[in-house]
Protein backbone atom coordinates (compact mmCIF):
# COMPACT_ATOMS: atom_id res chain seq x y z
CA UNK A 1 0.00 0.00 0.00
CA UNK A 2 1.33 3.40 -0.90
CA UNK A 3 2.00 5.84 1.88
CA UNK A 4 1.53 9.56 1.35
CA UNK A 5 4.80 11.46 1.54
CA UNK A 6 2.99 14.36 3.17
CA UNK A 7 1.39 12.37 5.98
CA UNK A 8 2.90 13.08 9.38
CA UNK A 9 4.23 10.04 11.22
CA UNK A 10 3.96 9.44 14.92
CA UNK A 11 5.44 6.93 17.30
CA UNK A 12 2.96 6.58 20.17
CA UNK A 13 4.30 5.21 23.42
CA UNK A 14 3.40 1.59 24.15
CA UNK A 15 1.09 1.56 27.18
CA UNK A 16 0.19 -1.31 29.44
CA UNK A 17 -3.13 -3.08 29.29
CA UNK A 18 -5.17 -4.27 26.31
CA UNK A 19 -8.79 -3.92 25.27
CA UNK A 20 -10.69 -5.03 22.20
CA UNK A 21 -10.53 -1.53 20.75
CA UNK A 22 -6.81 -1.23 21.47
CA UNK A 23 -6.18 -4.55 19.72
CA UNK A 24 -8.24 -3.36 16.76
CA UNK A 25 -6.43 0.00 16.76
CA UNK A 26 -3.03 -1.71 16.51
CA UNK A 27 -4.23 -3.82 13.58
CA UNK A 28 -5.86 -0.94 11.67
CA UNK A 29 -2.91 1.38 12.27
CA UNK A 30 -0.55 -1.28 10.89
CA UNK A 31 -2.83 -1.76 7.89
CA UNK A 32 -2.93 1.96 7.10
CA UNK A 33 0.77 2.46 7.75
CA UNK A 34 2.34 -0.45 5.91
CA UNK A 35 -0.44 -2.50 4.36
CA UNK A 36 -0.26 -5.26 6.99
CA UNK A 37 -2.94 -7.95 7.06
CA UNK A 38 -5.14 -7.14 10.04
CA UNK A 39 -5.69 -10.83 10.76
CA UNK A 40 -1.96 -11.41 11.11
CA UNK A 41 -1.54 -8.43 13.45
CA UNK A 42 -4.46 -9.56 15.59
CA UNK A 43 -3.16 -13.12 15.76
CA UNK A 44 0.27 -11.91 16.86
CA UNK A 45 -1.25 -9.82 19.64
CA UNK A 46 -3.58 -12.55 20.82
CA UNK A 47 -0.75 -15.06 21.12
CA UNK A 48 1.00 -12.80 23.62
CA UNK A 49 -1.49 -12.94 26.44
CA UNK A 50 -4.69 -14.32 27.90
CA UNK A 51 -7.33 -12.25 26.12
CA UNK A 52 -11.02 -12.68 26.86
CA UNK A 53 -13.07 -14.33 24.12
CA UNK A 54 -15.37 -11.29 23.91
CA UNK A 55 -12.39 -8.98 23.42
CA UNK A 56 -11.07 -11.28 20.69
CA UNK A 57 -14.43 -11.29 18.95
CA UNK A 58 -14.98 -7.53 19.10
CA UNK A 59 -11.41 -6.73 18.07
CA UNK A 60 -11.74 -9.03 15.05
CA UNK A 61 -15.09 -7.52 14.05
CA UNK A 62 -13.75 -3.99 14.37
CA UNK A 63 -10.49 -4.49 12.49
CA UNK A 64 -11.96 -6.60 9.69
CA UNK A 65 -15.01 -4.36 9.47
CA UNK A 66 -12.98 -1.18 9.08
CA UNK A 67 -10.96 -2.73 6.25
CA UNK A 68 -14.06 -4.07 4.49
CA UNK A 69 -16.03 -0.84 4.80
CA UNK A 70 -13.07 1.50 4.24
CA UNK A 71 -14.55 3.23 1.17
CA UNK A 72 -17.90 3.83 2.89
CA UNK A 73 -16.20 5.16 6.01
CA UNK A 74 -13.85 7.40 4.01
CA UNK A 75 -16.76 8.80 2.00
CA UNK A 76 -18.81 9.60 5.09
CA UNK A 77 -15.95 10.98 7.19
CA UNK A 78 -14.95 13.34 4.38
CA UNK A 79 -18.17 15.24 5.12
CA UNK A 80 -16.95 16.03 8.63
CA UNK A 81 -13.28 16.82 7.97
CA UNK A 82 -11.75 20.07 6.71
CA UNK A 83 -8.72 18.36 5.18
CA UNK A 84 -8.06 15.03 3.43
CA UNK A 85 -7.78 12.05 5.74
CA UNK A 86 -4.42 11.15 4.19
CA UNK A 87 -2.96 14.26 5.85
CA UNK A 88 -3.98 13.09 9.31
CA UNK A 89 -1.59 11.17 11.52
CA UNK A 90 -1.94 7.47 10.89
CA UNK A 91 -3.07 6.59 14.40
CA UNK A 92 -5.63 9.38 14.48
CA UNK A 93 -7.08 8.23 11.19
CA UNK A 94 -7.27 4.67 12.51
CA UNK A 95 -9.27 5.82 15.52
CA UNK A 96 -11.62 7.92 13.38
CA UNK A 97 -12.35 4.88 11.24
CA UNK A 98 -12.88 2.65 14.28
CA UNK A 99 -15.19 5.14 15.95
CA UNK A 100 -17.23 5.75 12.80
CA UNK A 101 -17.48 2.01 12.15
CA UNK A 102 -18.98 1.42 15.59
CA UNK A 103 -21.47 4.27 15.21
CA UNK A 104 -22.60 3.21 11.75
CA UNK A 105 -22.46 -0.57 11.76
CA UNK A 106 -22.32 -2.02 15.28
CA UNK A 107 -25.90 -1.91 16.50
CA UNK A 108 -24.94 -3.78 19.67
CA UNK A 109 -22.67 -0.93 20.83
CA UNK A 110 -24.43 2.12 22.35
CA UNK A 111 -23.35 5.31 20.51
CA UNK A 112 -22.05 6.99 23.67
CA UNK A 113 -19.89 3.93 24.40
CA UNK A 114 -18.54 3.88 20.86
CA UNK A 115 -17.37 7.48 21.17
CA UNK A 116 -16.15 7.28 24.77
CA UNK A 117 -14.19 4.05 24.34
CA UNK A 118 -12.61 5.19 21.07
CA UNK A 119 -11.48 8.47 22.62
CA UNK A 120 -10.14 6.43 25.52
CA UNK A 121 -7.78 4.56 23.17
CA UNK A 122 -6.16 7.89 22.25
CA UNK A 123 -5.17 8.26 25.90
CA UNK A 124 -4.06 4.61 26.05
CA UNK A 125 -1.62 5.09 23.18
CA UNK A 126 -0.19 8.25 24.71
CA UNK A 127 -1.86 10.71 22.34
CA UNK A 128 -4.34 12.70 24.49
CA UNK A 129 -4.13 15.63 22.06
CA UNK A 130 -6.20 13.56 19.63
CA UNK A 131 -9.08 13.28 22.10
CA UNK A 132 -10.81 16.60 21.46
CA UNK A 133 -10.72 16.21 17.67
CA UNK A 134 -12.00 12.63 17.85
CA UNK A 135 -14.78 13.54 20.21
CA UNK A 136 -15.93 16.48 18.06
CA UNK A 137 -16.01 14.56 14.77
CA UNK A 138 -17.64 11.43 16.17
CA UNK A 139 -20.26 13.37 18.18
CA UNK A 140 -21.21 15.33 15.07
CA UNK A 141 -21.57 12.12 13.07
CA UNK A 142 -23.61 10.59 15.87
CA UNK A 143 -26.01 13.53 15.74
CA UNK A 144 -26.73 12.89 12.05
CA UNK A 145 -27.67 9.24 12.57
CA UNK A 146 -31.14 7.96 13.32
CA UNK A 147 -32.35 4.67 14.74
CA UNK A 148 -34.66 4.12 11.76
CA UNK A 149 -33.86 1.07 9.60
CA UNK A 150 -35.07 0.71 6.02
CA UNK A 151 -34.57 -1.54 3.01
CA UNK A 152 -34.33 1.45 0.67
CA UNK A 153 -30.98 2.30 -0.92
CA UNK A 154 -30.51 6.04 -1.28
CA UNK A 155 -28.01 8.83 -0.65
CA UNK A 156 -29.35 9.25 2.90
CA UNK A 157 -29.32 5.58 3.95
CA UNK A 158 -26.23 3.56 4.91
CA UNK A 159 -26.33 -0.19 4.10
CA UNK A 160 -25.55 -2.21 7.22
CA UNK A 161 -23.59 -5.43 7.45
CA UNK A 162 -25.32 -8.76 7.61
CA UNK A 163 -26.86 -11.31 5.33
CA UNK A 164 -30.59 -11.74 4.97
CA UNK A 165 -31.94 -14.96 3.45
CA UNK A 166 -34.34 -13.19 1.08
CA UNK A 167 -31.53 -11.01 -0.32
CA UNK A 168 -32.92 -7.74 1.04
CA UNK A 169 -30.77 -5.03 2.60
CA UNK A 170 -30.97 -3.31 5.97
CA UNK A 171 -29.89 0.32 5.85
CA UNK A 172 -29.60 3.00 8.53
CA UNK A 173 -31.38 6.28 7.82
CA UNK A 174 -29.36 9.48 8.25
CA UNK A 175 -30.48 13.11 8.45
CA UNK A 176 -28.55 14.34 5.41
CA UNK A 177 -27.07 12.84 2.24
CA UNK A 178 -23.76 11.14 3.04
CA UNK A 179 -23.49 8.92 -0.05
CA UNK A 180 -23.80 9.46 -3.82
CA UNK A 181 -27.22 9.18 -5.44
CA UNK A 182 -27.62 5.71 -7.03
CA UNK A 183 -29.48 7.36 -9.92
CA UNK A 184 -26.26 9.13 -10.90
CA UNK A 185 -24.37 5.88 -11.49
CA UNK A 186 -25.07 2.40 -10.19
CA UNK A 187 -21.48 1.12 -10.10
CA UNK A 188 -20.19 4.26 -8.38
CA UNK A 189 -22.98 4.14 -5.82
CA UNK A 190 -22.43 0.48 -4.97
CA UNK A 191 -18.69 1.10 -4.64
CA UNK A 192 -19.18 3.85 -2.05
CA UNK A 193 -22.26 2.50 -0.26
CA UNK A 194 -20.99 -1.08 0.16
CA UNK A 195 -17.25 -0.35 -0.03
CA UNK A 196 -15.64 -1.92 -3.10
CA UNK A 197 -13.41 -0.71 -5.92
CA UNK A 198 -15.70 0.57 -8.65
CA UNK A 199 -14.24 -1.79 -11.25
CA UNK A 200 -15.53 -4.75 -9.19
CA UNK A 201 -19.07 -3.38 -8.83
CA UNK A 202 -19.07 -2.53 -12.55
CA UNK A 203 -18.13 -6.14 -13.33
CA UNK A 204 -20.90 -7.50 -11.16
CA UNK A 205 -23.43 -5.27 -12.87
CA UNK A 206 -22.16 -6.47 -16.25
CA UNK A 207 -22.40 -10.13 -15.24
CA UNK A 208 -25.78 -9.86 -13.48
CA UNK A 209 -28.64 -7.48 -12.74
CA UNK A 210 -28.96 -4.78 -10.06
CA UNK A 211 -30.60 -7.05 -7.47
CA UNK A 212 -27.88 -9.71 -7.74
CA UNK A 213 -25.12 -7.09 -7.63
CA UNK A 214 -26.66 -5.68 -4.44
CA UNK A 215 -26.93 -9.18 -2.98
CA UNK A 216 -23.26 -9.85 -3.68
CA UNK A 217 -22.23 -6.51 -2.20
CA UNK A 218 -24.23 -7.28 0.91
CA UNK A 219 -23.06 -10.90 1.15
CA UNK A 220 -19.37 -10.07 1.11
CA UNK A 221 -19.68 -7.45 3.85
CA UNK A 222 -19.91 -10.12 6.51
CA UNK A 223 -17.57 -13.05 7.18
CA UNK A 224 -20.64 -15.26 7.24
CA UNK A 225 -20.56 -18.99 7.73
CA UNK A 226 -17.62 -21.31 8.27
CA UNK A 227 -16.97 -24.88 7.19
CA UNK A 228 -15.09 -27.77 8.74
CA UNK A 229 -13.80 -30.91 7.01
CA UNK A 230 -13.77 -33.93 9.28
CA UNK A 231 -10.67 -36.16 9.10
CA UNK A 232 -12.43 -39.50 8.88
CA UNK A 233 -9.13 -41.32 9.29
CA UNK A 234 -9.21 -40.25 12.95
CA UNK A 235 -12.88 -39.73 13.85
CA UNK A 236 -16.33 -39.34 12.34
CA UNK A 237 -18.69 -36.45 11.73
CA UNK A 238 -21.15 -37.41 14.48
CA UNK A 239 -18.40 -37.19 17.09
CA UNK A 240 -17.25 -33.78 15.84
CA UNK A 241 -20.85 -32.54 15.82
CA UNK A 242 -21.30 -33.70 19.42
CA UNK A 243 -18.12 -31.89 20.49
CA UNK A 244 -19.20 -28.69 18.75
CA UNK A 245 -22.70 -28.74 20.19
CA UNK A 246 -21.31 -29.41 23.68
CA UNK A 247 -19.18 -26.28 23.17
CA UNK A 248 -22.34 -24.32 22.34
CA UNK A 249 -21.75 -24.18 18.57
CA UNK A 250 -24.83 -24.76 16.40
CA UNK A 251 -23.14 -27.03 13.85
CA UNK A 252 -25.02 -28.89 11.11
CA UNK A 253 -24.21 -31.57 8.55
CA UNK A 254 -22.92 -30.54 5.13
CA UNK A 255 -23.46 -32.19 1.74
CA UNK A 256 -20.44 -34.50 2.05
CA UNK A 257 -19.90 -37.13 4.76
CA UNK A 258 -16.88 -35.13 5.93
CA UNK A 259 -18.39 -31.64 5.81
CA UNK A 260 -19.78 -29.60 8.72
CA UNK A 261 -21.40 -26.18 8.51
CA UNK A 262 -21.08 -23.55 11.24
CA UNK A 263 -23.29 -20.44 11.49
CA UNK A 264 -20.33 -18.07 11.98
CA UNK A 265 -16.61 -17.86 12.54
CA UNK A 266 -15.12 -19.32 15.70
CA UNK A 267 -11.60 -19.88 16.99
CA UNK A 268 -11.12 -23.51 16.01
CA UNK A 269 -7.97 -23.90 18.12
CA UNK A 270 -10.23 -23.73 21.17
CA UNK A 271 -12.39 -26.67 20.04
CA UNK A 272 -11.49 -30.07 21.49
CA UNK A 273 -10.12 -32.29 18.76
CA UNK A 274 -8.42 -29.65 16.63
CA UNK A 275 -4.92 -30.31 17.96
CA UNK A 276 -5.61 -34.04 17.64
CA UNK A 277 -6.30 -33.64 13.92
CA UNK A 278 -9.99 -34.45 13.94
CA UNK A 279 -10.89 -31.70 11.50
CA UNK A 280 -9.67 -28.81 9.36
CA UNK A 281 -11.21 -25.48 8.41
CA UNK A 282 -12.45 -25.65 4.82
CA UNK A 283 -15.47 -24.21 3.06
CA UNK A 284 -17.73 -26.71 1.36
CA UNK A 285 -17.18 -25.06 -2.03
CA UNK A 286 -13.44 -25.80 -1.67
CA UNK A 287 -14.16 -29.44 -0.80
CA UNK A 288 -15.72 -29.85 -4.23
CA UNK A 289 -12.27 -29.62 -5.85
CA UNK A 290 -10.90 -32.85 -4.37
CA UNK A 291 -14.28 -34.54 -4.69
CA UNK A 292 -14.43 -33.63 -8.40
CA UNK A 293 -10.92 -34.99 -9.03
CA UNK A 294 -12.08 -38.20 -7.31
CA UNK A 295 -8.67 -39.58 -6.28
CA UNK A 296 -8.43 -43.37 -6.09
CA UNK A 297 -6.42 -45.67 -3.86
CA UNK A 298 -3.00 -46.36 -5.35
CA UNK A 299 -2.98 -43.44 -7.78
CA UNK A 300 -0.14 -40.99 -8.32
CA UNK A 301 -1.52 -37.50 -7.68
CA UNK A 302 0.02 -34.03 -8.07
CA UNK A 303 -1.28 -30.96 -6.20
CA UNK A 304 0.41 -28.18 -8.19
CA UNK A 305 -0.26 -25.16 -5.95
CA UNK A 306 -0.60 -26.99 -2.67
CA UNK A 307 -0.07 -24.36 0.06
CA UNK A 308 -1.50 -24.07 2.64
CA UNK A 309 -2.46 -27.70 2.17
CA UNK A 310 -6.21 -27.97 2.70
CA UNK A 311 -6.95 -29.68 -0.61
CA UNK A 312 -3.80 -31.84 -0.37
CA UNK A 313 -4.95 -33.15 3.00
CA UNK A 314 -8.49 -33.69 1.72
CA UNK A 315 -7.21 -35.88 -1.13
CA UNK A 316 -5.01 -37.89 1.26
CA UNK A 317 -7.98 -38.44 3.56
CA UNK A 318 -10.19 -39.54 0.65
CA UNK A 319 -7.72 -42.26 -0.40
CA UNK A 320 -6.83 -43.26 3.15
CA UNK A 321 -3.22 -42.29 2.42
CA UNK A 322 -3.08 -45.31 0.08
CA UNK A 323 -1.39 -43.62 -2.84
CA UNK A 324 1.29 -41.05 -3.66
CA UNK A 325 0.62 -37.33 -3.53
CA UNK A 326 3.19 -34.76 -4.63
CA UNK A 327 2.45 -31.38 -3.03
CA UNK A 328 4.38 -28.51 -4.63
CA UNK A 329 4.51 -24.76 -4.23
CA UNK A 330 6.90 -21.89 -4.97
CA UNK A 331 6.80 -20.49 -1.43
CA UNK A 332 8.95 -22.34 1.12
CA UNK A 333 7.32 -20.64 4.11
CA UNK A 334 3.85 -21.63 2.95
CA UNK A 335 5.00 -25.19 2.37
CA UNK A 336 5.81 -25.27 6.07
CA UNK A 337 2.06 -24.80 6.63
CA UNK A 338 1.43 -27.83 4.41
CA UNK A 339 3.85 -29.90 6.47
CA UNK A 340 2.28 -28.65 9.70
CA UNK A 341 -1.19 -29.66 8.51
CA UNK A 342 0.07 -33.08 7.46
CA UNK A 343 1.59 -33.68 10.90
CA UNK A 344 -1.48 -32.48 12.79
CA UNK A 345 -3.80 -34.64 10.72
CA UNK A 346 -1.54 -37.69 10.88
CA UNK A 347 -1.32 -38.08 7.10
CA UNK A 348 1.33 -39.92 5.11
CA UNK A 349 2.16 -40.73 1.48
CA UNK A 350 2.57 -37.00 0.79
CA UNK A 351 5.83 -35.64 -0.67
CA UNK A 352 6.26 -31.88 -0.13
CA UNK A 353 8.50 -30.12 -2.64
CA UNK A 354 9.44 -26.50 -3.30
CA UNK A 355 9.54 -25.78 -7.04
CA UNK A 356 10.49 -22.91 -9.33
CA UNK A 357 7.78 -20.60 -10.66
CA UNK A 358 8.20 -22.00 -14.18
CA UNK A 359 7.87 -25.60 -12.85
CA UNK A 360 10.93 -26.69 -14.84
CA UNK A 361 12.22 -28.60 -11.81
CA UNK A 362 9.07 -30.67 -11.27
CA UNK A 363 9.94 -34.39 -11.33
CA UNK A 364 9.62 -35.71 -14.87
CA UNK A 365 6.93 -38.26 -14.25
CA UNK A 366 3.28 -38.57 -15.17
CA UNK A 367 0.32 -38.58 -12.80
CA UNK A 368 -3.08 -40.24 -12.80
CA UNK A 369 -4.72 -37.10 -11.42
CA UNK A 370 -3.61 -33.47 -11.08
CA UNK A 371 -5.20 -30.68 -9.05
CA UNK A 372 -4.25 -27.15 -10.09
CA UNK A 373 -5.80 -24.67 -7.66
CA UNK A 374 -4.39 -21.54 -9.26
CA UNK A 375 -3.63 -18.11 -7.75
CA UNK A 376 -6.61 -15.92 -8.53
CA UNK A 377 -8.41 -12.68 -7.72
CA UNK A 378 -10.13 -14.17 -4.63
CA UNK A 379 -13.32 -12.55 -5.91
CA UNK A 380 -15.39 -15.42 -4.50
CA UNK A 381 -14.10 -15.06 -0.92
CA UNK A 382 -14.07 -11.30 -0.38
CA UNK A 383 -15.94 -11.61 2.91
CA UNK A 384 -13.37 -13.88 4.53
CA UNK A 385 -10.37 -11.92 3.25
CA UNK A 386 -11.12 -8.27 4.04
CA UNK A 387 -8.03 -6.87 2.31
CA UNK A 388 -8.58 -8.82 -0.93
CA UNK A 389 -10.92 -6.27 -2.51
CA UNK A 390 -8.33 -3.51 -2.14
CA UNK A 391 -5.29 -5.48 -3.30
CA UNK A 392 -6.53 -6.42 -6.74
CA UNK A 393 -6.52 -4.21 -9.85
CA UNK A 394 -7.80 -4.99 -13.35
CA UNK A 395 -4.21 -5.17 -14.61
CA UNK A 396 -3.52 -7.86 -12.02
CA UNK A 397 -6.20 -10.07 -13.58
CA UNK A 398 -4.38 -9.96 -16.90
CA UNK A 399 -1.12 -10.86 -15.17
CA UNK A 400 -2.82 -13.66 -13.26
CA UNK A 401 -4.29 -15.06 -16.48
CA UNK A 402 -0.78 -15.63 -17.84
CA UNK A 403 0.14 -17.59 -14.70
CA UNK A 404 -3.16 -19.49 -14.68
CA UNK A 405 -2.74 -20.62 -18.30
CA UNK A 406 0.85 -21.68 -17.69
CA UNK A 407 -0.08 -23.71 -14.59
CA UNK A 408 -3.00 -25.41 -16.32
CA UNK A 409 -0.82 -26.29 -19.33
CA UNK A 410 1.83 -27.77 -17.01
CA UNK A 411 -0.79 -29.83 -15.18
CA UNK A 412 -2.09 -31.23 -18.46
CA UNK A 413 1.44 -31.99 -19.69
CA UNK A 414 2.11 -34.13 -16.60
CA UNK A 415 -1.07 -36.22 -16.86
CA UNK A 416 -1.01 -39.82 -18.01
CA UNK A 417 -3.10 -40.94 -20.97
CA UNK A 418 -6.72 -40.99 -19.78
CA UNK A 419 -5.57 -38.91 -16.84
CA UNK A 420 -7.62 -36.27 -15.06
CA UNK A 421 -6.99 -32.61 -14.23
CA UNK A 422 -9.13 -30.37 -12.04
CA UNK A 423 -8.67 -26.64 -12.58
CA UNK A 424 -9.90 -24.72 -9.52
CA UNK A 425 -10.24 -21.08 -8.45
CA UNK A 426 -11.99 -19.11 -5.70
CA UNK A 427 -13.00 -16.53 -8.30
CA UNK A 428 -16.34 -15.49 -9.75
CA UNK A 429 -14.95 -13.94 -12.95
CA UNK A 430 -15.39 -15.91 -16.21
CA UNK A 431 -12.03 -14.72 -17.58
CA UNK A 432 -10.33 -16.63 -14.75
CA UNK A 433 -12.65 -19.61 -15.06
CA UNK A 434 -14.63 -21.06 -17.97
CA UNK A 435 -13.34 -18.62 -20.59
CA UNK A 436 -9.72 -19.32 -19.66
CA UNK A 437 -10.18 -23.11 -19.64
CA UNK A 438 -11.80 -23.07 -23.07
CA UNK A 439 -9.09 -20.83 -24.43
CA UNK A 440 -6.41 -23.29 -23.28
CA UNK A 441 -8.31 -26.28 -24.68
CA UNK A 442 -8.56 -24.65 -28.12
CA UNK A 443 -4.85 -25.44 -28.44
CA UNK A 444 -5.32 -29.07 -27.35
CA UNK A 445 -6.81 -31.96 -29.28
CA UNK A 446 -6.79 -34.74 -26.69
CA UNK A 447 -8.54 -33.00 -23.78
CA UNK A 448 -12.20 -32.42 -23.07
CA UNK A 449 -14.22 -30.81 -20.30
CA UNK A 450 -15.98 -33.59 -18.45
CA UNK A 451 -17.75 -31.39 -15.87
CA UNK A 452 -17.85 -27.82 -14.59
CA UNK A 453 -19.02 -26.54 -11.21
CA UNK A 454 -19.82 -22.91 -10.44
CA UNK A 455 -20.46 -22.10 -6.79
CA UNK A 456 -22.32 -18.83 -6.35
CA UNK A 457 -21.45 -16.90 -3.17
CA UNK A 458 -24.13 -17.39 -0.54
CA UNK A 459 -25.55 -20.56 -2.08
CA UNK A 460 -24.64 -21.61 0.56
CA UNK A 461 -20.94 -20.82 0.97
CA UNK A 462 -18.06 -19.16 -0.85
CA UNK A 463 -17.84 -18.50 -4.55
CA UNK A 464 -15.59 -20.80 -6.57
CA UNK A 465 -15.16 -22.64 -9.85
CA UNK A 466 -13.90 -26.10 -10.77
CA UNK A 467 -13.54 -27.84 -14.12
CA UNK A 468 -12.73 -31.52 -14.57
CA UNK A 469 -10.66 -32.15 -17.70
CA UNK A 470 -10.12 -35.66 -19.05
CA UNK A 471 -7.42 -36.76 -21.46
CA UNK A 472 -8.79 -38.90 -24.31
CA UNK A 473 -5.70 -40.36 -25.98
CA UNK A 474 -4.21 -43.80 -25.36
CA UNK A 475 -0.63 -42.91 -26.25
């Protein structure tokens, strides 16, 4: 993330004591200052001490929420500031965003508490001179908000977070226009009201109608549900469901014998059985990739872009580790995650190998089945990865397409006669999915598309795409 050369820098003193808002402040300040992932900053802080579950939950909601709704918050705060936010000290800007987020989107937090506690963080971080400015801006914003909720999208209503089964939107009414008029440009309005780059909202409107674009905007503004994949080599789904329900988690069965659906995100490390390798975190849409490849006992399998190892482990579990799986990636540090998952789950028959980006050092052997889960825009998982919407540009898609084609071609070149390849993304965009696969196959005469799967976000989980390709020749 670029940092303005004109923005003053500060080095607040490190105080003692932690609160949910202080944890969130540290994460948001690091995000604004150097583009850090808020989840990584939060995880680092939470490993350092015994932090109450409620503080963990609120800190996560605040930090992720500010990043997701950054464009909406910036648009609204601009009304109350006399100079651009980029000219404010980084920490002060972080607190303004946190305070505004609570006032606008956290209905469970009383407005007076949102303002008071946010101002209190300024004192905690040794910057009491920020307090008066924060208090004035946030109190003025508070005065323009109402308690009235509507489903109407307009310049004087602010869409709230949260997913509603019928696809409708809940919006907070305000006393003056704080957003653009949707009649002046649908893509621009959606970008500001729901907080996305305009090129993404324009794409959604091109691929669907207004109602579906609004549904997608709304869907991705909440982390939503969570999925678990049961390791049936160590336990069964009924036992995991019993453990979850005993812990107060309303878990339900998924479509596969190994899949479990949770109503929201939880800290899985706290659930009995995680350390013992009973289950892994994986959305049901991602489970479709290994299921579509349908690995068989005794087969030689290659997972081309294996890190962090969820799909590798799923394939090993499906074949009972009775086969050979080569798990490769270009990132050594991420391959350590693959190895960690393998150890925790008690899996074997998996060879982990770091390879060059051009794959020229991949072992020269052929495989019965190849999974190529390519790097992509992440446009199907924008709710779970709050920074993803801001890190991708249209030019990046063109660069990714070159990599995606090269990886798919390599996967096909290493498949045995009558072999199988599954091409997988967590994207919603056709030029990363069906269009790209067909373009590659135009140059091939022995491959065909056996099956395609498109998972629409919210029906019921993440958005993703998988295509099963089958080689026809006998040579």
